[in-house]
Protein backbone atom coordinates (compact mmCIF):
# COMPACT_ATOMS: atom_id res chain seq x y z
CA MET A 1 26.60 -15.94 10.01
CA GLU A 2 26.11 -19.70 9.60
CA CYS A 3 22.44 -20.00 10.41
CA LEU A 4 20.96 -16.59 11.22
CA LYS A 5 19.88 -15.18 7.87
CA VAL A 6 19.71 -11.46 7.08
CA PHE A 7 16.07 -10.52 6.54
CA HIS A 8 16.32 -7.29 4.53
CA ARG A 9 17.13 -7.63 0.85
CA ASP A 10 14.72 -5.36 -1.09
CA ILE A 11 12.45 -2.36 -0.66
CA LEU A 12 9.50 -4.55 0.36
CA THR A 13 11.33 -5.97 3.38
CA VAL A 14 12.57 -2.51 4.38
CA ARG A 15 9.08 -1.01 4.31
CA SER A 16 7.69 -2.60 7.46
CA HIS A 17 10.06 -5.04 9.21
CA GLN A 18 12.49 -4.18 12.00
CA TRP A 19 14.34 -7.44 12.57
CA LYS A 20 17.89 -7.90 11.36
CA TYR A 21 18.02 -11.70 11.35
CA TYR A 22 15.66 -14.64 11.10
CA VAL A 23 16.04 -18.31 11.90
CA GLU A 24 13.86 -21.32 11.04
CA PRO A 25 13.87 -24.33 13.40
CA TYR A 26 12.23 -26.50 10.71
CA SER A 27 12.80 -26.93 6.99
CA GLY A 28 9.14 -27.36 6.07
CA CYS A 29 5.67 -26.82 7.47
CA ALA A 30 2.78 -29.23 8.10
CA PHE A 31 0.08 -26.56 8.26
CA GLN A 32 -0.36 -26.66 4.44
CA CYS A 33 -1.63 -23.08 4.07
CA ALA A 34 -2.77 -22.74 0.46
CA TYR A 35 -1.56 -19.13 0.24
CA CYS A 36 1.94 -19.86 1.59
CA LEU A 37 4.68 -18.66 -0.78
CA TYR A 38 6.89 -21.57 0.30
CA TYR A 39 4.37 -24.40 0.04
CA GLY A 40 4.24 -25.58 -3.54
CA SER A 41 4.35 -29.36 -3.31
CA GLU A 42 3.98 -32.31 -0.97
CA SER A 43 7.77 -32.37 -0.57
CA TYR A 44 7.52 -29.26 1.58
CA ILE A 45 5.58 -31.36 4.09
CA ARG A 46 7.59 -34.58 3.66
CA ARG A 47 10.79 -32.59 4.16
CA LEU A 48 9.63 -31.51 7.59
CA ARG A 49 12.48 -32.04 10.02
CA PRO A 50 14.75 -30.04 12.31
CA GLN A 51 17.48 -28.19 10.47
CA PRO A 52 20.72 -30.24 10.72
CA ASP A 53 23.20 -28.93 13.30
CA LEU A 54 20.97 -25.92 13.86
CA LEU A 55 21.45 -25.39 17.59
CA PRO A 56 25.28 -25.34 17.60
CA ALA A 57 25.22 -23.01 14.59
CA VAL A 58 22.75 -20.65 16.28
CA GLU A 59 24.97 -20.62 19.35
CA ARG A 60 28.00 -19.64 17.28
CA ASP A 61 26.04 -16.95 15.44
CA LEU A 62 24.69 -15.41 18.62
CA ALA A 63 28.15 -15.36 20.15
CA ALA A 64 29.48 -13.58 17.04
CA MET A 65 26.64 -11.03 16.77
CA PRO A 66 28.36 -7.61 16.77
CA HIS A 67 25.60 -5.89 18.75
CA LYS A 68 22.10 -6.64 19.97
CA GLN A 69 19.58 -7.08 17.15
CA ILE A 70 16.09 -8.57 16.93
CA VAL A 71 15.90 -12.20 15.73
CA TYR A 72 12.70 -13.31 14.01
CA VAL A 73 11.48 -16.89 14.44
CA GLY A 74 8.85 -18.23 12.04
CA ALA A 75 9.37 -16.26 8.82
CA THR A 76 8.80 -19.19 6.43
CA ALA A 77 7.72 -22.17 8.59
CA ASP A 78 5.75 -22.28 11.82
CA PRO A 79 8.11 -22.86 14.77
CA TYR A 80 5.38 -24.52 16.89
CA GLN A 81 4.28 -27.39 14.67
CA ALA A 82 3.48 -30.77 16.20
CA LEU A 83 7.10 -31.88 15.68
CA GLU A 84 8.15 -29.22 18.19
CA ARG A 85 6.53 -31.27 20.97
CA LYS A 86 9.15 -33.94 20.34
CA THR A 87 12.27 -32.00 19.36
CA ARG A 88 11.77 -28.81 21.45
CA TRP A 89 14.13 -26.99 19.08
CA THR A 90 12.18 -23.74 19.18
CA ARG A 91 12.24 -23.83 22.96
CA GLN A 92 15.98 -24.41 22.93
CA ILE A 93 16.49 -21.47 20.54
CA LEU A 94 14.54 -19.26 22.93
CA GLN A 95 16.79 -20.45 25.76
CA GLN A 96 19.83 -19.53 23.67
CA LEU A 97 18.41 -16.08 22.97
CA ILE A 98 17.80 -15.53 26.68
CA ALA A 99 21.34 -16.65 27.52
CA HIS A 100 22.74 -14.12 25.02
CA ASP A 101 20.23 -11.42 26.00
CA ILE A 102 18.88 -11.16 22.43
CA PRO A 103 15.31 -9.94 21.67
CA VAL A 104 12.94 -12.08 19.59
CA VAL A 105 9.76 -11.77 17.55
CA ILE A 106 7.87 -15.04 17.07
CA LEU A 107 5.24 -15.72 14.38
CA THR A 108 2.99 -18.74 14.85
CA LYS A 109 -0.53 -20.14 14.50
CA SER A 110 -0.13 -22.66 17.31
CA PRO A 111 -1.30 -22.77 20.95
CA LEU A 112 1.79 -24.88 21.64
CA ILE A 113 3.59 -21.60 22.26
CA LEU A 114 1.88 -21.51 25.67
CA ARG A 115 4.15 -24.36 26.73
CA ASP A 116 6.99 -21.84 26.66
CA ALA A 117 5.21 -19.20 28.73
CA ASP A 118 8.00 -19.34 31.31
CA LEU A 119 10.58 -18.33 28.69
CA LEU A 120 8.29 -15.71 27.16
CA LEU A 121 7.77 -14.15 30.58
CA GLU A 122 11.52 -13.98 31.15
CA LEU A 123 11.95 -12.31 27.76
CA HIS A 124 9.06 -9.98 28.53
CA ARG A 125 10.64 -9.00 31.84
CA ARG A 126 13.53 -7.65 29.75
CA ARG A 127 11.14 -6.15 27.12
CA HIS A 128 12.71 -8.56 24.64
CA VAL A 129 9.71 -10.32 23.08
CA MET A 130 6.74 -9.88 20.78
CA VAL A 131 4.44 -12.69 19.63
CA GLN A 132 2.56 -12.52 16.34
CA PHE A 133 -0.31 -14.67 15.08
CA THR A 134 -1.71 -15.08 11.58
CA VAL A 135 -5.49 -14.83 11.19
CA LEU A 136 -7.02 -14.24 7.75
CA THR A 137 -10.65 -14.56 8.79
CA THR A 138 -12.74 -15.59 11.76
CA ASN A 139 -14.85 -17.72 9.41
CA GLU A 140 -13.74 -21.18 10.52
CA ASP A 141 -15.14 -22.92 7.43
CA LYS A 142 -13.02 -20.78 5.12
CA ALA A 143 -9.96 -21.06 7.35
CA ARG A 144 -10.22 -24.86 7.35
CA VAL A 145 -10.05 -24.89 3.54
CA LEU A 146 -7.19 -22.38 3.29
CA GLU A 147 -5.18 -23.71 6.26
CA PRO A 148 -6.11 -27.41 6.51
CA GLY A 149 -3.29 -28.43 8.85
CA ALA A 150 -3.32 -25.38 11.11
CA PRO A 151 -4.94 -24.89 14.52
CA THR A 152 -8.39 -23.34 14.45
CA VAL A 153 -8.84 -19.59 14.43
CA ALA A 154 -10.54 -19.84 17.83
CA GLN A 155 -7.45 -21.58 19.25
CA ARG A 156 -5.17 -18.82 17.94
CA LEU A 157 -7.34 -16.04 19.31
CA ASP A 158 -7.60 -17.74 22.70
CA THR A 159 -3.82 -18.22 22.81
CA ALA A 160 -3.26 -14.58 21.90
CA SER A 161 -5.66 -13.48 24.62
CA ARG A 162 -3.88 -15.60 27.23
CA LEU A 163 -0.46 -14.21 26.28
CA ALA A 164 -1.78 -10.66 26.25
CA GLY A 165 -3.19 -11.33 29.71
CA LEU A 166 0.37 -12.02 30.85
CA GLY A 167 1.39 -8.62 29.50
CA ILE A 168 3.23 -9.99 26.46
CA PRO A 169 2.85 -7.72 23.38
CA VAL A 170 0.74 -9.49 20.74
CA HIS A 171 0.44 -8.43 17.10
CA PHE A 172 -1.50 -10.07 14.27
CA HIS A 173 -0.93 -10.70 10.57
CA LEU A 174 -4.19 -10.34 8.68
CA SER A 175 -2.16 -11.39 5.75
CA PRO A 176 -2.31 -12.08 2.94
CA VAL A 177 -5.56 -10.38 2.06
CA ILE A 178 -7.09 -12.57 -0.66
CA PRO A 179 -9.23 -10.46 -3.03
CA GLY A 180 -12.82 -11.66 -3.08
CA LEU A 181 -12.50 -13.81 0.06
CA TYR A 182 -14.47 -11.59 2.43
CA ASP A 183 -18.26 -11.39 2.51
CA GLY A 184 -20.31 -8.59 4.04
CA ASP A 185 -18.99 -7.65 7.50
CA GLU A 186 -16.43 -10.48 7.59
CA MET A 187 -13.27 -8.36 7.50
CA ASN A 188 -14.65 -5.93 10.06
CA ALA A 189 -15.65 -8.85 12.30
CA THR A 190 -12.17 -10.32 11.98
CA VAL A 191 -10.49 -7.05 13.01
CA ARG A 192 -12.94 -6.62 15.92
CA SER A 193 -12.12 -10.11 17.14
CA ILE A 194 -8.37 -9.51 16.89
CA ALA A 195 -8.70 -6.27 18.86
CA GLY A 196 -10.89 -8.02 21.41
CA HIS A 197 -8.31 -10.77 21.99
CA GLY A 198 -5.41 -8.52 22.91
CA GLY A 199 -4.04 -7.64 19.47
CA ARG A 200 -2.21 -4.31 19.58
CA CYS A 201 -1.45 -4.07 15.87
CA ILE A 202 -2.40 -5.66 12.55
CA TYR A 203 0.11 -6.16 9.73
CA SER A 204 -1.32 -6.73 6.29
CA ASN A 205 -0.41 -7.08 2.65
CA ILE A 206 -2.13 -8.30 -0.48
CA LEU A 207 -1.83 -11.89 -1.64
CA GLY A 208 1.42 -12.48 -3.48
CA MET A 209 1.03 -15.10 -6.18
CA ARG A 210 3.92 -17.48 -6.81
CA THR A 211 3.79 -19.70 -9.86
CA ARG A 212 4.41 -22.94 -8.00
CA ASN A 213 1.50 -22.51 -5.58
CA THR A 214 -1.04 -21.02 -7.99
CA ASP A 215 -3.00 -24.25 -8.56
CA ILE A 216 -3.07 -25.09 -4.84
CA LEU A 217 -4.47 -21.69 -3.97
CA PHE A 218 -7.00 -21.49 -6.81
CA ASP A 219 -8.30 -24.98 -5.97
CA ALA A 220 -8.75 -23.97 -2.33
CA VAL A 221 -10.55 -20.72 -3.16
CA ALA A 222 -12.75 -22.56 -5.67
CA ARG A 223 -13.94 -24.86 -2.88
CA ILE A 224 -15.05 -21.76 -0.99
CA SER A 225 -16.49 -19.91 -3.99
CA PRO A 226 -16.01 -20.77 -7.69
CA ARG A 227 -16.94 -17.19 -8.56
CA ALA A 228 -14.25 -15.81 -6.22
CA ALA A 229 -11.68 -18.17 -7.77
CA ALA A 230 -12.53 -16.98 -11.29
CA ALA A 231 -12.30 -13.36 -10.18
CA LEU A 232 -8.96 -14.05 -8.48
CA ALA A 233 -7.54 -15.56 -11.67
CA SER A 234 -8.60 -12.44 -13.55
CA GLU A 235 -7.12 -10.12 -10.88
CA TYR A 236 -3.70 -11.75 -11.18
CA ALA A 237 -3.60 -12.31 -14.94
CA ARG A 238 -1.67 -9.11 -15.67
CA GLY A 239 1.07 -9.77 -13.12
CA ALA A 240 1.64 -13.33 -14.32
CA ALA A 241 3.19 -12.06 -17.55
CA ASN A 242 5.99 -10.02 -15.97
CA GLY A 243 8.47 -12.87 -15.45
CA LYS A 244 8.92 -12.21 -11.72
CA ASN A 245 8.69 -14.98 -9.15
CA VAL A 246 5.93 -13.32 -7.09
CA TYR A 247 3.40 -10.73 -8.21
CA SER A 248 0.33 -8.87 -7.02
CA PRO A 249 -2.83 -7.66 -8.75
CA VAL A 250 -2.88 -4.14 -10.18
CA PHE A 251 -1.98 -1.40 -7.74
CA GLY A 252 -5.51 0.01 -7.62
CA ARG A 253 -6.81 -3.22 -6.12
CA VAL A 254 -3.97 -3.31 -3.59
CA TYR A 255 -4.75 0.28 -2.57
CA ARG A 256 -8.48 -0.35 -2.20
CA GLU A 257 -7.98 -3.40 0.00
CA MET A 258 -5.42 -1.70 2.23
CA ALA A 259 -7.47 1.52 2.45
CA ARG A 260 -10.45 -0.54 3.56
CA LEU A 261 -8.38 -2.16 6.30
CA ASN A 262 -7.04 1.25 7.28
CA ARG A 263 -10.61 2.47 7.88
CA ILE A 264 -11.63 -0.68 9.74
CA CYS A 265 -8.59 -0.55 12.03
CA ARG A 266 -9.22 3.12 12.78
CA ASP A 267 -12.83 2.33 13.66
CA ASN A 268 -11.68 -0.49 15.96
CA HIS A 269 -8.87 1.56 17.56
CA ILE A 270 -6.10 -0.86 16.63
CA ALA A 271 -2.76 0.00 15.02
CA PHE A 272 -2.31 -0.98 11.37
CA ILE A 273 0.78 -1.49 9.23
CA SER A 274 0.30 -1.76 5.47
CA GLU A 275 3.38 -3.59 4.26
CA PHE A 276 3.10 -2.41 0.64
CA ILE A 277 1.72 1.10 1.25
CA PRO A 278 3.27 2.64 4.39
CA GLY A 279 1.32 5.86 3.81
CA LEU A 280 -1.80 4.00 4.98
CA ASP A 281 -0.32 2.99 8.33
CA VAL A 282 -2.19 3.73 11.55
CA PHE A 283 0.74 3.43 13.89
CA ASP A 284 2.54 5.34 16.63
CA ALA A 285 6.08 4.08 16.20
CA SER A 286 7.26 5.66 19.46
CA THR A 287 4.97 3.35 21.44
CA PHE A 288 6.78 0.24 20.24
CA GLU A 289 10.21 1.83 20.11
CA GLN A 290 10.02 1.88 23.91
CA GLY A 291 9.73 -1.91 23.81
CA ILE A 292 11.34 -4.46 21.56
CA PHE A 293 11.66 -2.13 18.56
CA ARG A 294 14.34 -0.18 20.41
CA PHE A 295 16.59 -2.98 19.16
CA GLY A 296 15.11 -2.89 15.67
CA LEU A 297 16.22 -1.49 12.35
CA PRO A 298 13.93 1.37 11.30
CA ALA A 299 11.29 0.52 8.73
CA VAL A 300 10.15 3.05 6.13
CA TYR A 301 7.11 4.12 8.15
CA GLN A 302 9.47 4.99 11.03
CA MET A 303 11.92 6.81 8.76
CA ALA A 304 9.07 8.96 7.48
CA GLY A 305 8.75 10.34 11.00
CA LEU A 306 12.08 12.14 10.57
CA PHE A 307 10.36 14.58 8.19
CA GLU A 308 8.50 16.61 10.78
CA THR A 309 8.25 19.97 9.01
CA PRO A 310 6.13 20.03 5.83
CA PHE A 311 7.98 20.84 2.61
CA GLU A 312 11.39 21.20 4.30
CA ARG A 313 13.91 19.45 2.04
CA GLN A 314 16.39 16.91 3.41
CA GLY A 315 19.43 15.59 1.63
CA TRP A 316 21.12 12.30 2.39
CA GLU A 317 23.70 13.56 4.88
CA ARG A 318 21.14 15.28 7.08
CA PHE A 319 18.80 12.29 6.90
CA ARG A 320 21.67 9.91 7.66
CA ALA A 321 22.67 11.90 10.75
CA GLY A 322 19.08 11.98 12.01
CA ILE A 323 18.43 8.29 11.53
CA ARG A 324 21.70 7.25 13.14
CA LYS A 325 20.97 9.43 16.17
CA ARG A 326 17.47 8.04 16.68
CA TYR A 327 18.02 4.31 16.04
CA ALA A 328 20.81 2.74 18.08
CA ALA A 329 20.54 -0.65 16.35
CA LEU A 330 21.24 0.81 12.92
CA ASP A 331 24.31 -0.71 11.29
CA GLU A 332 26.27 0.19 8.16
CA GLU A 333 25.03 -2.81 6.19
CA TYR A 334 21.43 -1.70 6.61
CA LEU A 335 22.27 1.95 6.12
CA ASN A 336 23.94 1.15 2.79
CA LEU A 337 20.81 -0.71 1.69
CA VAL A 338 18.65 2.27 2.65
CA LYS A 339 21.00 4.55 0.68
CA THR A 340 20.44 2.40 -2.42
CA PHE A 341 16.69 2.97 -2.23
CA TRP A 342 17.22 6.65 -1.41
CA ASP A 343 19.27 7.06 -4.58
CA ASP A 344 16.90 5.19 -6.89
CA GLY A 345 13.85 7.07 -5.58
CA SER A 346 11.99 4.03 -4.22
CA LEU A 347 12.58 4.51 -0.47
CA PHE A 348 9.48 6.63 0.20
CA GLU A 349 7.18 5.36 -2.53
CA ASN A 350 3.62 4.93 -1.25
CA THR A 351 4.16 7.37 1.63
CA ALA A 352 3.49 11.09 2.13
CA ILE A 353 7.19 11.81 1.52
CA ALA A 354 7.90 13.32 -1.91
CA CYS A 355 11.16 13.66 -3.81
CA GLU A 356 12.78 16.22 -6.07
CA THR A 357 16.21 16.31 -7.69
CA ALA A 358 18.60 19.25 -7.41
CA ASN A 359 22.09 19.18 -8.95
CA GLY A 360 21.83 15.42 -9.25
CA ASP A 361 20.97 14.92 -5.57
CA HIS A 362 17.70 13.54 -4.22
CA LEU A 363 15.92 15.81 -1.74
CA TYR A 364 12.95 14.47 0.19
CA TYR A 365 10.23 16.35 2.03
CA ARG A 366 6.87 15.79 3.72
CA SER A 367 4.03 16.35 1.28
CA ASP A 368 0.28 16.77 1.72
CA ARG A 369 -0.56 13.70 -0.38
CA LEU A 370 0.60 10.15 -0.88
CA ASN A 371 3.41 9.56 -3.37
CA LEU A 372 1.85 6.45 -4.96
CA ARG A 373 3.61 4.17 -7.40
CA GLU A 374 0.74 2.78 -9.41
CA SER A 375 2.09 -0.47 -10.77
CA VAL A 376 1.93 -4.21 -10.26
CA LEU A 377 4.04 -5.11 -7.24
CA THR A 378 6.57 -7.82 -7.99
CA TRP A 379 9.46 -9.45 -6.19
CA ASP A 380 11.72 -12.49 -6.47
């Protein structure tokens, strides 16, 4: 593929994401979110431009796609920035996807997506679209500090509500959760608002700290609360010494934050996907597998559903046969990646699937407790 990039590369991306490919219309982002893993300098904003020769390359990639797979738009840069009004590259990509009958998931913070409601409705008619919005908090003052160039939270929620009113599936990223950011009932209020504006599901993970954006983020949090900024620095001190590009706080903090969101989402009757700890998910995979996820690669929380009988051991061959039968979009490249994590024991970490070894082979089974890996989460 020239332009469509393969999304899955490690256990973290396999845990909760179904799309095979992603594409970015723009090489930078003007929203300047302090927590963004890709925003580390002013050059990320100055570099903002359409990707050279993107549209012809996307056309060639779509024509060469071996079978129908979900394409994700907006993984690292918002596809509906102000520049999109002029270039209309995101709109043209959607037109290409429609022409090739390819499903799409779009992540944005912008009400500009409503301009393309005609294309979204055509995709929805085919059950080929899902739109996702990022909302960290409904506290506009905090959001303005953390996301100075982005549309307001109220604009995002209103846009989500309008799309949901058209029947288009809408999910939210309450992500990343920034330890110490939320006061009192703030997180609960944020989830209630998301549910009240048409959100069917919330994805969440803990803040990943990347060395190049540390100062930007700490400065932003300090403007909200100096005490929270000091606590944040302490939370992430241990992970900073591990030499990895991105790191989390200690696992106990990750678990507490995700368990809190799990409870809040249950109370508000909204699905929840914990990207680091799939065992905390509140999610009926079959509901979405009838829609766009029927073209998706199975994430770990979906794979766990293949272990229906408690304590019944499964080896690789049986598991492989079951997963291939259930998920039509599964390809050998992804299956080989899954096999790697099966063999090293990491595939079902942080789920209720346990592992034992017999004659050198890994056997997995449904347990009555979470198989937690209590360590700092790191990735490159």
